[in-house]
Amino acid sequence: MTLADQTIALARRAACEVRRHWRLLVGAVLALAAVSTAIEWSDAQGRFDISAGYAVRMTCEPDPESVLWSGGCDRVAPDIARTDKPSFIELYRAFVTAHHRHIPSPAVRRRFAQTPCDPAFDRDAVLKGTRFVLEPVRVRFLEACTAPHVEAIKAEIDERDRALMTIEREGLSHEALFAGALANLTEPIVIFAGAVVLAALLVL
């Protein structure tokens, strides 16, 4: 058998294997693309989070005019003071909190959906002099018209800011990159899309 014949036979054998296992190959390509995209997103998110976490710290640093915006910094003061290296689980949870949760959350929206507004409530007065008055944080309170509603949103912003500072403490490391990628891949809509693709490959 000549070299040309061997090459043709090998190509036919490879084509046969591809036809037999095309579902596995397509699934592997799609999985690789999903992981690659998740890592790219994680890199972009991490770079944003580092500057955002630093901004939280800067907001709460002593300044001649800080009285205008630093109220409420005591709520995250322990996290500002932290210098320890976060674990992978902490980083994963931080990415989930920072990028995969809405503020106000659906739970808070439902909780206060039927709550009547307080006629005497002054949102501007409540937020004045606090770090919650700064943009773009202030827009989170547009639907709030009672003190408990405002406090619920503040608590979610506190949680988000703690997450940003956790990611900032880690910096641009591989551990943070992979934690963010895992958070992106475990987003419910991504899991649902993966299940749909898997079901389609099994049916075809």
N, C-alpha and C. Protein backbone atom coordinates (compact mmCIF):
# COMPACT_ATOMS: atom_id res chain seq x y z
N MET A 1 0.85 -1.20 0.00
CA MET A 1 0.00 0.00 0.00
C MET A 1 0.89 1.25 0.00
N THR A 2 0.59 2.12 -0.92
CA THR A 2 1.38 3.35 -1.04
C THR A 2 1.04 4.32 0.09
N LEU A 3 1.89 5.33 0.20
CA LEU A 3 1.66 6.35 1.22
C LEU A 3 0.34 7.07 0.97
N ALA A 4 0.02 7.32 -0.29
CA ALA A 4 -1.24 7.98 -0.63
C ALA A 4 -2.42 7.13 -0.20
N ASP A 5 -2.32 5.83 -0.44
CA ASP A 5 -3.42 4.93 -0.04
C ASP A 5 -3.58 4.91 1.48
N GLN A 6 -2.45 4.92 2.17
CA GLN A 6 -2.51 4.92 3.64
C GLN A 6 -3.16 6.21 4.17
N THR A 7 -2.81 7.30 3.51
CA THR A 7 -3.37 8.59 3.92
C THR A 7 -4.87 8.62 3.70
N ILE A 8 -5.32 8.11 2.55
CA ILE A 8 -6.75 8.07 2.24
C ILE A 8 -7.49 7.17 3.23
N ALA A 9 -6.89 6.02 3.52
CA ALA A 9 -7.52 5.09 4.47
C ALA A 9 -7.63 5.71 5.85
N LEU A 10 -6.57 6.41 6.25
CA LEU A 10 -6.59 7.06 7.56
C LEU A 10 -7.65 8.15 7.61
N ALA A 11 -7.77 8.93 6.53
CA ALA A 11 -8.77 10.00 6.47
C ALA A 11 -10.18 9.42 6.54
N ARG A 12 -10.40 8.30 5.83
CA ARG A 12 -11.73 7.66 5.86
C ARG A 12 -12.04 7.15 7.25
N ARG A 13 -11.03 6.58 7.91
CA ARG A 13 -11.24 6.07 9.26
C ARG A 13 -11.57 7.22 10.22
N ALA A 14 -10.85 8.33 10.06
CA ALA A 14 -11.11 9.50 10.91
C ALA A 14 -12.50 10.06 10.67
N ALA A 15 -12.90 10.12 9.38
CA ALA A 15 -14.24 10.62 9.05
C ALA A 15 -15.31 9.72 9.64
N CYS A 16 -15.06 8.42 9.62
CA CYS A 16 -16.02 7.47 10.19
C CYS A 16 -16.16 7.68 11.70
N GLU A 17 -15.01 7.91 12.37
CA GLU A 17 -15.04 8.14 13.81
C GLU A 17 -15.78 9.44 14.15
N VAL A 18 -15.57 10.45 13.30
CA VAL A 18 -16.26 11.72 13.51
C VAL A 18 -17.76 11.53 13.38
N ARG A 19 -18.20 10.77 12.36
CA ARG A 19 -19.64 10.53 12.18
C ARG A 19 -20.22 9.76 13.35
N ARG A 20 -19.44 8.85 13.89
CA ARG A 20 -19.93 8.03 15.01
C ARG A 20 -20.02 8.82 16.30
N HIS A 21 -19.09 9.75 16.50
CA HIS A 21 -19.00 10.46 17.78
C HIS A 21 -19.20 11.95 17.62
N TRP A 22 -19.99 12.38 16.64
CA TRP A 22 -20.14 13.81 16.38
C TRP A 22 -20.79 14.55 17.55
N ARG A 23 -21.69 13.86 18.26
CA ARG A 23 -22.33 14.51 19.40
C ARG A 23 -21.31 14.87 20.47
N LEU A 24 -20.41 13.91 20.74
CA LEU A 24 -19.38 14.15 21.75
C LEU A 24 -18.46 15.29 21.32
N LEU A 25 -18.11 15.31 20.04
CA LEU A 25 -17.22 16.36 19.54
C LEU A 25 -17.88 17.74 19.62
N VAL A 26 -19.15 17.80 19.21
CA VAL A 26 -19.87 19.08 19.27
C VAL A 26 -20.00 19.54 20.72
N GLY A 27 -20.34 18.60 21.60
CA GLY A 27 -20.45 18.94 23.02
C GLY A 27 -19.14 19.45 23.59
N ALA A 28 -18.02 18.80 23.19
CA ALA A 28 -16.72 19.23 23.69
C ALA A 28 -16.36 20.62 23.19
N VAL A 29 -16.65 20.89 21.92
CA VAL A 29 -16.36 22.22 21.36
C VAL A 29 -17.19 23.29 22.06
N LEU A 30 -18.48 23.01 22.27
CA LEU A 30 -19.35 23.99 22.94
C LEU A 30 -18.91 24.21 24.39
N ALA A 31 -18.52 23.12 25.07
CA ALA A 31 -18.07 23.24 26.46
C ALA A 31 -16.79 24.07 26.53
N LEU A 32 -15.87 23.83 25.59
CA LEU A 32 -14.63 24.60 25.56
C LEU A 32 -14.91 26.07 25.30
N ALA A 33 -15.84 26.35 24.39
CA ALA A 33 -16.20 27.74 24.09
C ALA A 33 -16.83 28.42 25.32
N ALA A 34 -17.68 27.67 26.04
CA ALA A 34 -18.33 28.23 27.23
C ALA A 34 -17.30 28.55 28.31
N VAL A 35 -16.36 27.63 28.53
CA VAL A 35 -15.33 27.86 29.55
C VAL A 35 -14.45 29.04 29.17
N SER A 36 -14.08 29.11 27.89
CA SER A 36 -13.24 30.21 27.42
C SER A 36 -13.94 31.56 27.59
N THR A 37 -15.22 31.60 27.25
CA THR A 37 -15.99 32.84 27.40
C THR A 37 -16.13 33.23 28.87
N ALA A 38 -16.38 32.23 29.73
CA ALA A 38 -16.51 32.49 31.17
C ALA A 38 -15.23 33.07 31.74
N ILE A 39 -14.09 32.58 31.27
CA ILE A 39 -12.80 33.08 31.75
C ILE A 39 -12.57 34.51 31.27
N GLU A 40 -12.92 34.79 30.02
CA GLU A 40 -12.77 36.16 29.51
C GLU A 40 -13.64 37.13 30.29
N TRP A 41 -14.89 36.74 30.55
CA TRP A 41 -15.78 37.59 31.35
C TRP A 41 -15.22 37.80 32.75
N SER A 42 -14.70 36.71 33.33
CA SER A 42 -14.15 36.80 34.68
C SER A 42 -12.99 37.79 34.74
N ASP A 43 -12.15 37.79 33.72
CA ASP A 43 -11.03 38.72 33.69
C ASP A 43 -11.52 40.17 33.65
N ALA A 44 -12.52 40.42 32.80
CA ALA A 44 -13.07 41.78 32.70
C ALA A 44 -13.76 42.18 34.00
N GLN A 45 -14.51 41.24 34.59
CA GLN A 45 -15.20 41.53 35.85
C GLN A 45 -14.22 41.82 36.97
N GLY A 46 -13.16 41.01 37.05
CA GLY A 46 -12.17 41.19 38.10
C GLY A 46 -11.47 42.54 38.01
N ARG A 47 -11.14 42.95 36.80
CA ARG A 47 -10.49 44.26 36.62
C ARG A 47 -11.42 45.39 37.06
N PHE A 48 -12.70 45.26 36.74
CA PHE A 48 -13.67 46.27 37.19
C PHE A 48 -13.81 46.24 38.71
N ASP A 49 -13.87 45.04 39.28
CA ASP A 49 -14.10 44.91 40.73
C ASP A 49 -12.95 45.49 41.55
N ILE A 50 -11.74 45.37 41.04
CA ILE A 50 -10.60 45.92 41.77
C ILE A 50 -10.74 47.44 41.93
N SER A 51 -11.10 48.10 40.84
CA SER A 51 -11.28 49.55 40.92
C SER A 51 -12.51 49.91 41.74
N ALA A 52 -13.58 49.09 41.63
CA ALA A 52 -14.80 49.36 42.39
C ALA A 52 -14.57 49.16 43.89
N GLY A 53 -13.85 48.11 44.25
CA GLY A 53 -13.54 47.87 45.66
C GLY A 53 -12.66 48.97 46.23
N TYR A 54 -11.71 49.43 45.42
CA TYR A 54 -10.85 50.54 45.85
C TYR A 54 -11.68 51.81 46.04
N ALA A 55 -12.68 52.00 45.17
CA ALA A 55 -13.54 53.18 45.29
C ALA A 55 -14.31 53.17 46.60
N VAL A 56 -14.75 51.99 47.04
CA VAL A 56 -15.44 51.89 48.33
C VAL A 56 -14.51 52.33 49.45
N ARG A 57 -13.27 51.85 49.41
CA ARG A 57 -12.29 52.23 50.44
C ARG A 57 -12.04 53.74 50.41
N MET A 58 -11.89 54.31 49.22
CA MET A 58 -11.60 55.73 49.09
C MET A 58 -12.77 56.57 49.62
N THR A 59 -13.98 56.10 49.37
CA THR A 59 -15.16 56.82 49.85
C THR A 59 -15.13 56.95 51.37
N CYS A 60 -14.60 55.93 52.03
CA CYS A 60 -14.64 55.89 53.49
C CYS A 60 -13.34 56.36 54.14
N GLU A 61 -12.40 56.89 53.35
CA GLU A 61 -11.17 57.43 53.93
C GLU A 61 -11.40 58.85 54.46
N PRO A 62 -10.65 59.25 55.48
CA PRO A 62 -10.79 60.60 56.03
C PRO A 62 -10.52 61.66 54.96
N ASP A 63 -11.36 62.67 54.94
CA ASP A 63 -11.25 63.73 53.95
C ASP A 63 -11.94 64.96 54.52
N PRO A 64 -11.45 66.16 54.22
CA PRO A 64 -12.09 67.37 54.77
C PRO A 64 -13.58 67.47 54.45
N GLU A 65 -13.99 66.88 53.32
CA GLU A 65 -15.39 66.97 52.93
C GLU A 65 -16.11 65.62 53.05
N SER A 66 -15.48 64.65 53.68
CA SER A 66 -16.06 63.31 53.73
C SER A 66 -17.38 63.25 54.49
N VAL A 67 -17.63 64.27 55.32
CA VAL A 67 -18.91 64.31 56.04
C VAL A 67 -20.08 64.34 55.07
N LEU A 68 -19.83 64.75 53.84
CA LEU A 68 -20.90 64.84 52.84
C LEU A 68 -21.30 63.48 52.29
N TRP A 69 -20.43 62.47 52.45
CA TRP A 69 -20.76 61.19 51.81
C TRP A 69 -20.31 59.94 52.59
N SER A 70 -19.64 60.08 53.71
CA SER A 70 -19.06 58.91 54.37
C SER A 70 -19.94 58.29 55.44
N GLY A 71 -21.14 58.82 55.63
CA GLY A 71 -22.04 58.21 56.60
C GLY A 71 -22.38 56.78 56.19
N GLY A 72 -22.36 55.88 57.14
CA GLY A 72 -22.64 54.48 56.84
C GLY A 72 -21.40 53.66 56.56
N CYS A 73 -20.22 54.30 56.57
CA CYS A 73 -18.98 53.55 56.34
C CYS A 73 -18.71 52.56 57.48
N ASP A 74 -19.28 52.85 58.67
CA ASP A 74 -19.11 51.94 59.79
C ASP A 74 -19.72 50.57 59.50
N ARG A 75 -20.64 50.52 58.55
CA ARG A 75 -21.32 49.26 58.21
C ARG A 75 -20.36 48.28 57.54
N VAL A 76 -19.34 48.81 56.86
CA VAL A 76 -18.38 47.93 56.17
C VAL A 76 -16.96 48.14 56.70
N ALA A 77 -16.81 48.85 57.80
CA ALA A 77 -15.49 49.14 58.35
C ALA A 77 -14.65 47.89 58.61
N PRO A 78 -15.21 46.82 59.19
CA PRO A 78 -14.39 45.62 59.42
C PRO A 78 -13.82 45.04 58.12
N ASP A 79 -14.58 45.12 57.03
CA ASP A 79 -14.10 44.59 55.75
C ASP A 79 -13.05 45.51 55.14
N ILE A 80 -13.18 46.80 55.35
CA ILE A 80 -12.16 47.74 54.87
C ILE A 80 -10.83 47.46 55.57
N ALA A 81 -10.89 47.08 56.83
CA ALA A 81 -9.68 46.85 57.61
C ALA A 81 -9.02 45.50 57.31
N ARG A 82 -9.72 44.60 56.66
CA ARG A 82 -9.17 43.27 56.41
C ARG A 82 -8.01 43.31 55.41
N THR A 83 -6.99 42.52 55.68
CA THR A 83 -5.85 42.40 54.77
C THR A 83 -5.53 40.95 54.44
N ASP A 84 -6.34 40.01 54.97
CA ASP A 84 -6.07 38.60 54.76
C ASP A 84 -6.39 38.19 53.32
N LYS A 85 -5.80 37.10 52.90
CA LYS A 85 -6.02 36.59 51.55
C LYS A 85 -7.30 35.76 51.55
N PRO A 86 -8.27 36.08 50.69
CA PRO A 86 -9.53 35.31 50.66
C PRO A 86 -9.33 33.92 50.07
N SER A 87 -10.13 32.98 50.53
CA SER A 87 -10.07 31.63 50.00
C SER A 87 -10.79 31.56 48.65
N PHE A 88 -10.66 30.43 47.97
CA PHE A 88 -11.32 30.26 46.68
C PHE A 88 -12.84 30.34 46.84
N ILE A 89 -13.36 29.72 47.91
CA ILE A 89 -14.81 29.76 48.15
C ILE A 89 -15.28 31.18 48.39
N GLU A 90 -14.51 31.96 49.15
CA GLU A 90 -14.86 33.36 49.40
C GLU A 90 -14.88 34.14 48.09
N LEU A 91 -13.89 33.89 47.23
CA LEU A 91 -13.83 34.58 45.95
C LEU A 91 -15.01 34.20 45.07
N TYR A 92 -15.34 32.92 45.06
CA TYR A 92 -16.48 32.46 44.26
C TYR A 92 -17.77 33.15 44.72
N ARG A 93 -18.00 33.15 46.03
CA ARG A 93 -19.20 33.79 46.57
C ARG A 93 -19.20 35.29 46.29
N ALA A 94 -18.01 35.90 46.33
CA ALA A 94 -17.90 37.34 46.05
C ALA A 94 -18.28 37.64 44.61
N PHE A 95 -17.82 36.82 43.66
CA PHE A 95 -18.17 37.03 42.25
C PHE A 95 -19.67 36.82 42.03
N VAL A 96 -20.23 35.84 42.69
CA VAL A 96 -21.68 35.61 42.58
C VAL A 96 -22.44 36.83 43.08
N THR A 97 -22.04 37.33 44.24
CA THR A 97 -22.72 38.49 44.83
C THR A 97 -22.55 39.73 43.97
N ALA A 98 -21.34 39.96 43.47
CA ALA A 98 -21.05 41.19 42.74
C ALA A 98 -21.66 41.20 41.33
N HIS A 99 -21.80 40.02 40.71
CA HIS A 99 -22.19 40.01 39.29
C HIS A 99 -23.44 39.20 38.96
N HIS A 100 -23.95 38.46 39.90
CA HIS A 100 -25.09 37.61 39.58
C HIS A 100 -26.27 37.81 40.52
N ARG A 101 -26.30 38.96 41.18
CA ARG A 101 -27.44 39.32 42.03
C ARG A 101 -27.85 40.75 41.73
N HIS A 102 -29.15 40.97 41.68
CA HIS A 102 -29.67 42.30 41.41
C HIS A 102 -29.92 43.04 42.72
N ILE A 103 -29.79 44.37 42.66
CA ILE A 103 -30.09 45.24 43.80
C ILE A 103 -31.06 46.32 43.31
N PRO A 104 -32.25 46.39 43.88
CA PRO A 104 -32.82 45.51 44.91
C PRO A 104 -33.07 44.10 44.36
N SER A 105 -32.96 43.12 45.21
CA SER A 105 -33.17 41.74 44.80
C SER A 105 -34.65 41.47 44.59
N PRO A 106 -34.98 40.42 43.84
CA PRO A 106 -36.39 40.05 43.68
C PRO A 106 -37.10 39.83 45.01
N ALA A 107 -36.36 39.29 45.98
CA ALA A 107 -36.96 39.05 47.30
C ALA A 107 -37.36 40.36 47.97
N VAL A 108 -36.49 41.36 47.88
CA VAL A 108 -36.81 42.66 48.48
C VAL A 108 -37.95 43.33 47.74
N ARG A 109 -37.97 43.22 46.42
CA ARG A 109 -39.06 43.80 45.63
C ARG A 109 -40.40 43.19 46.02
N ARG A 110 -40.41 41.85 46.17
CA ARG A 110 -41.67 41.18 46.57
C ARG A 110 -42.08 41.58 47.98
N ARG A 111 -41.08 41.68 48.86
CA ARG A 111 -41.36 41.98 50.26
C ARG A 111 -42.06 43.33 50.43
N PHE A 112 -41.67 44.30 49.62
CA PHE A 112 -42.21 45.65 49.77
C PHE A 112 -43.18 46.04 48.65
N ALA A 113 -43.52 45.08 47.81
CA ALA A 113 -44.40 45.39 46.67
C ALA A 113 -45.76 45.91 47.12
N GLN A 114 -46.29 45.36 48.19
CA GLN A 114 -47.62 45.73 48.66
C GLN A 114 -47.58 46.68 49.86
N THR A 115 -46.38 47.14 50.21
CA THR A 115 -46.26 48.04 51.36
C THR A 115 -46.60 49.47 50.95
N PRO A 116 -47.57 50.09 51.59
CA PRO A 116 -47.92 51.47 51.22
C PRO A 116 -46.80 52.44 51.57
N CYS A 117 -46.66 53.48 50.76
CA CYS A 117 -45.62 54.48 51.00
C CYS A 117 -45.94 55.30 52.25
N ASP A 118 -44.91 55.72 52.92
CA ASP A 118 -45.04 56.58 54.09
C ASP A 118 -45.07 58.03 53.60
N PRO A 119 -46.18 58.72 53.78
CA PRO A 119 -46.29 60.12 53.28
C PRO A 119 -45.23 61.04 53.88
N ALA A 120 -44.77 60.74 55.07
CA ALA A 120 -43.79 61.61 55.73
C ALA A 120 -42.35 61.22 55.41
N PHE A 121 -42.20 60.16 54.62
CA PHE A 121 -40.84 59.68 54.33
C PHE A 121 -40.13 60.59 53.35
N ASP A 122 -38.88 60.97 53.67
CA ASP A 122 -38.07 61.83 52.80
C ASP A 122 -36.80 61.06 52.44
N ARG A 123 -36.81 60.46 51.25
CA ARG A 123 -35.68 59.62 50.82
C ARG A 123 -34.38 60.42 50.76
N ASP A 124 -34.45 61.64 50.23
CA ASP A 124 -33.24 62.46 50.10
C ASP A 124 -32.63 62.77 51.46
N ALA A 125 -33.49 63.04 52.42
CA ALA A 125 -33.00 63.35 53.77
C ALA A 125 -32.36 62.13 54.41
N VAL A 126 -32.93 60.95 54.16
CA VAL A 126 -32.39 59.72 54.73
C VAL A 126 -31.02 59.38 54.15
N LEU A 127 -30.85 59.62 52.86
CA LEU A 127 -29.59 59.27 52.19
C LEU A 127 -28.53 60.36 52.30
N LYS A 128 -28.92 61.55 52.62
CA LYS A 128 -27.99 62.68 52.66
C LYS A 128 -26.84 62.42 53.64
N GLY A 129 -25.63 62.71 53.20
CA GLY A 129 -24.46 62.56 54.04
C GLY A 129 -23.95 61.14 54.17
N THR A 130 -24.55 60.20 53.43
CA THR A 130 -24.11 58.80 53.49
C THR A 130 -23.49 58.39 52.16
N ARG A 131 -22.77 57.28 52.18
CA ARG A 131 -22.15 56.79 50.95
C ARG A 131 -23.20 56.28 49.96
N PHE A 132 -24.43 56.15 50.42
CA PHE A 132 -25.51 55.68 49.54
C PHE A 132 -26.07 56.81 48.67
N VAL A 133 -25.62 58.03 48.92
CA VAL A 133 -26.13 59.16 48.14
C VAL A 133 -25.35 59.32 46.83
N LEU A 134 -24.20 58.64 46.73
CA LEU A 134 -23.35 58.76 45.55
C LEU A 134 -23.92 57.96 44.38
N GLU A 135 -23.71 58.47 43.18
CA GLU A 135 -24.09 57.72 41.99
C GLU A 135 -23.00 56.68 41.70
N PRO A 136 -23.34 55.50 41.15
CA PRO A 136 -24.69 55.08 40.74
C PRO A 136 -25.48 54.34 41.84
N VAL A 137 -25.01 54.41 43.09
CA VAL A 137 -25.69 53.71 44.18
C VAL A 137 -27.07 54.30 44.44
N ARG A 138 -27.17 55.60 44.34
CA ARG A 138 -28.42 56.30 44.68
C ARG A 138 -29.62 55.77 43.89
N VAL A 139 -29.41 55.40 42.65
CA VAL A 139 -30.54 54.96 41.81
C VAL A 139 -31.16 53.66 42.32
N ARG A 140 -30.43 52.93 43.15
CA ARG A 140 -30.99 51.68 43.70
C ARG A 140 -32.19 51.94 44.60
N PHE A 141 -32.34 53.17 45.08
CA PHE A 141 -33.38 53.49 46.06
C PHE A 141 -34.60 54.16 45.44
N LEU A 142 -34.68 54.24 44.13
CA LEU A 142 -35.76 54.97 43.49
C LEU A 142 -37.14 54.44 43.84
N GLU A 143 -37.25 53.14 44.08
CA GLU A 143 -38.55 52.54 44.39
C GLU A 143 -38.86 52.58 45.88
N ALA A 144 -37.89 52.94 46.70
CA ALA A 144 -38.07 52.89 48.16
C ALA A 144 -38.82 54.12 48.65
N CYS A 145 -39.85 53.89 49.45
CA CYS A 145 -40.61 55.01 50.00
C CYS A 145 -40.97 54.78 51.46
N THR A 146 -40.22 53.85 52.10
CA THR A 146 -40.36 53.65 53.55
C THR A 146 -38.97 53.39 54.11
N ALA A 147 -38.78 53.66 55.39
CA ALA A 147 -37.48 53.46 56.02
C ALA A 147 -37.03 51.99 55.99
N PRO A 148 -37.91 51.01 56.28
CA PRO A 148 -37.48 49.61 56.22
C PRO A 148 -37.04 49.19 54.82
N HIS A 149 -37.71 49.72 53.79
CA HIS A 149 -37.33 49.41 52.41
C HIS A 149 -35.91 49.92 52.13
N VAL A 150 -35.62 51.12 52.56
CA VAL A 150 -34.28 51.69 52.38
C VAL A 150 -33.24 50.85 53.10
N GLU A 151 -33.54 50.43 54.33
CA GLU A 151 -32.59 49.64 55.10
C GLU A 151 -32.32 48.29 54.43
N ALA A 152 -33.34 47.70 53.83
CA ALA A 152 -33.17 46.42 53.15
C ALA A 152 -32.24 46.56 51.95
N ILE A 153 -32.39 47.65 51.21
CA ILE A 153 -31.52 47.90 50.05
C ILE A 153 -30.10 48.22 50.51
N LYS A 154 -29.97 48.99 51.60
CA LYS A 154 -28.65 49.28 52.14
C LYS A 154 -27.91 47.99 52.49
N ALA A 155 -28.61 47.06 53.09
CA ALA A 155 -27.99 45.80 53.48
C ALA A 155 -27.47 45.04 52.26
N GLU A 156 -28.21 45.08 51.16
CA GLU A 156 -27.76 44.40 49.95
C GLU A 156 -26.57 45.12 49.32
N ILE A 157 -26.55 46.44 49.38
CA ILE A 157 -25.40 47.19 48.89
C ILE A 157 -24.17 46.91 49.74
N ASP A 158 -24.36 46.82 51.07
CA ASP A 158 -23.25 46.46 51.96
C ASP A 158 -22.65 45.12 51.55
N GLU A 159 -23.52 44.16 51.28
CA GLU A 159 -23.06 42.82 50.90
C GLU A 159 -22.28 42.87 49.58
N ARG A 160 -22.80 43.67 48.63
CA ARG A 160 -22.10 43.81 47.36
C ARG A 160 -20.74 44.47 47.54
N ASP A 161 -20.68 45.51 48.38
CA ASP A 161 -19.41 46.20 48.61
C ASP A 161 -18.40 45.30 49.30
N ARG A 162 -18.86 44.47 50.22
CA ARG A 162 -17.94 43.51 50.86
C ARG A 162 -17.38 42.55 49.82
N ALA A 163 -18.22 42.14 48.89
CA ALA A 163 -17.77 41.24 47.83
C ALA A 163 -16.72 41.92 46.95
N LEU A 164 -16.96 43.17 46.60
CA LEU A 164 -16.00 43.91 45.77
C LEU A 164 -14.65 44.04 46.48
N MET A 165 -14.68 44.30 47.78
CA MET A 165 -13.42 44.45 48.51
C MET A 165 -12.71 43.11 48.68
N THR A 166 -13.48 42.01 48.73
CA THR A 166 -12.86 40.69 48.78
C THR A 166 -12.08 40.42 47.50
N ILE A 167 -12.70 40.72 46.35
CA ILE A 167 -12.03 40.52 45.07
C ILE A 167 -10.84 41.46 44.94
N GLU A 168 -11.01 42.69 45.42
CA GLU A 168 -9.90 43.65 45.35
C GLU A 168 -8.71 43.18 46.17
N ARG A 169 -8.96 42.57 47.34
CA ARG A 169 -7.85 42.08 48.18
C ARG A 169 -7.06 40.99 47.46
N GLU A 170 -7.74 40.20 46.66
CA GLU A 170 -7.06 39.12 45.95
C GLU A 170 -6.27 39.64 44.76
N GLY A 171 -6.83 40.62 44.05
CA GLY A 171 -6.13 41.16 42.88
C GLY A 171 -6.29 40.27 41.66
N LEU A 172 -5.46 40.50 40.66
CA LEU A 172 -5.55 39.77 39.39
C LEU A 172 -4.75 38.47 39.46
N SER A 173 -5.26 37.52 40.22
CA SER A 173 -4.60 36.22 40.36
C SER A 173 -5.36 35.16 39.57
N HIS A 174 -4.72 34.02 39.35
CA HIS A 174 -5.38 32.92 38.65
C HIS A 174 -6.54 32.38 39.49
N GLU A 175 -6.37 32.40 40.81
CA GLU A 175 -7.44 31.90 41.68
C GLU A 175 -8.70 32.74 41.53
N ALA A 176 -8.53 34.08 41.48
CA ALA A 176 -9.67 34.96 41.28
C ALA A 176 -10.27 34.76 39.89
N LEU A 177 -9.41 34.57 38.88
CA LEU A 177 -9.89 34.36 37.51
C LEU A 177 -10.76 33.11 37.43
N PHE A 178 -10.31 32.02 38.04
CA PHE A 178 -11.06 30.77 37.97
C PHE A 178 -12.31 30.82 38.85
N ALA A 179 -12.24 31.52 39.97
CA ALA A 179 -13.43 31.67 40.82
C ALA A 179 -14.51 32.43 40.08
N GLY A 180 -14.12 33.51 39.40
CA GLY A 180 -15.08 34.28 38.61
C GLY A 180 -15.65 33.47 37.46
N ALA A 181 -14.79 32.68 36.80
CA ALA A 181 -15.27 31.84 35.70
C ALA A 181 -16.28 30.82 36.20
N LEU A 182 -16.00 30.22 37.36
CA LEU A 182 -16.94 29.24 37.93
C LEU A 182 -18.26 29.91 38.27
N ALA A 183 -18.20 31.13 38.80
CA ALA A 183 -19.43 31.86 39.10
C ALA A 183 -20.24 32.12 37.83
N ASN A 184 -19.56 32.44 36.74
CA ASN A 184 -20.25 32.66 35.47
C ASN A 184 -20.89 31.38 34.94
N LEU A 185 -20.17 30.26 35.09
CA LEU A 185 -20.66 28.98 34.56
C LEU A 185 -21.81 28.41 35.39
N THR A 186 -21.90 28.79 36.65
CA THR A 186 -22.96 28.27 37.52
C THR A 186 -24.15 29.20 37.60
N GLU A 187 -24.14 30.26 36.78
CA GLU A 187 -25.31 31.13 36.66
C GLU A 187 -26.50 30.28 36.19
N PRO A 188 -27.67 30.36 36.83
CA PRO A 188 -28.81 29.50 36.45
C PRO A 188 -29.13 29.50 34.96
N ILE A 189 -29.06 30.66 34.31
CA ILE A 189 -29.41 30.70 32.89
C ILE A 189 -28.38 29.94 32.06
N VAL A 190 -27.12 29.94 32.49
CA VAL A 190 -26.08 29.19 31.78
C VAL A 190 -26.29 27.69 31.97
N ILE A 191 -26.63 27.29 33.18
CA ILE A 191 -26.91 25.87 33.44
C ILE A 191 -28.11 25.41 32.62
N PHE A 192 -29.14 26.26 32.55
CA PHE A 192 -30.33 25.91 31.76
C PHE A 192 -29.97 25.77 30.28
N ALA A 193 -29.17 26.71 29.77
CA ALA A 193 -28.76 26.65 28.36
C ALA A 193 -27.95 25.38 28.10
N GLY A 194 -27.07 25.03 29.03
CA GLY A 194 -26.30 23.81 28.87
C GLY A 194 -27.17 22.57 28.86
N ALA A 195 -28.19 22.56 29.72
CA ALA A 195 -29.11 21.42 29.75
C ALA A 195 -29.90 21.31 28.44
N VAL A 196 -30.30 22.45 27.89
CA VAL A 196 -31.03 22.46 26.61
C VAL A 196 -30.15 21.91 25.50
N VAL A 197 -28.90 22.34 25.43
CA VAL A 197 -27.97 21.88 24.39
C VAL A 197 -27.72 20.38 24.55
N LEU A 198 -27.53 19.92 25.79
CA LEU A 198 -27.31 18.49 26.03
C LEU A 198 -28.52 17.68 25.59
N ALA A 199 -29.72 18.15 25.93
CA ALA A 199 -30.93 17.44 25.53
C ALA A 199 -31.06 17.39 24.01
N ALA A 200 -30.71 18.49 23.34
CA ALA A 200 -30.80 18.53 21.88
C ALA A 200 -29.82 17.55 21.25
N LEU A 201 -28.62 17.45 21.80
CA LEU A 201 -27.62 16.52 21.27
C LEU A 201 -28.05 15.07 21.47
N LEU A 202 -28.71 14.79 22.59
CA LEU A 202 -29.17 13.43 22.85
C LEU A 202 -30.33 13.03 21.95
N VAL A 203 -31.17 14.01 21.61
CA VAL A 203 -32.35 13.74 20.78
C VAL A 203 -31.97 13.57 19.31
N LEU A 204 -31.04 14.39 18.84
CA LEU A 204 -30.65 14.35 17.42
C LEU A 204 -29.99 13.05 17.04
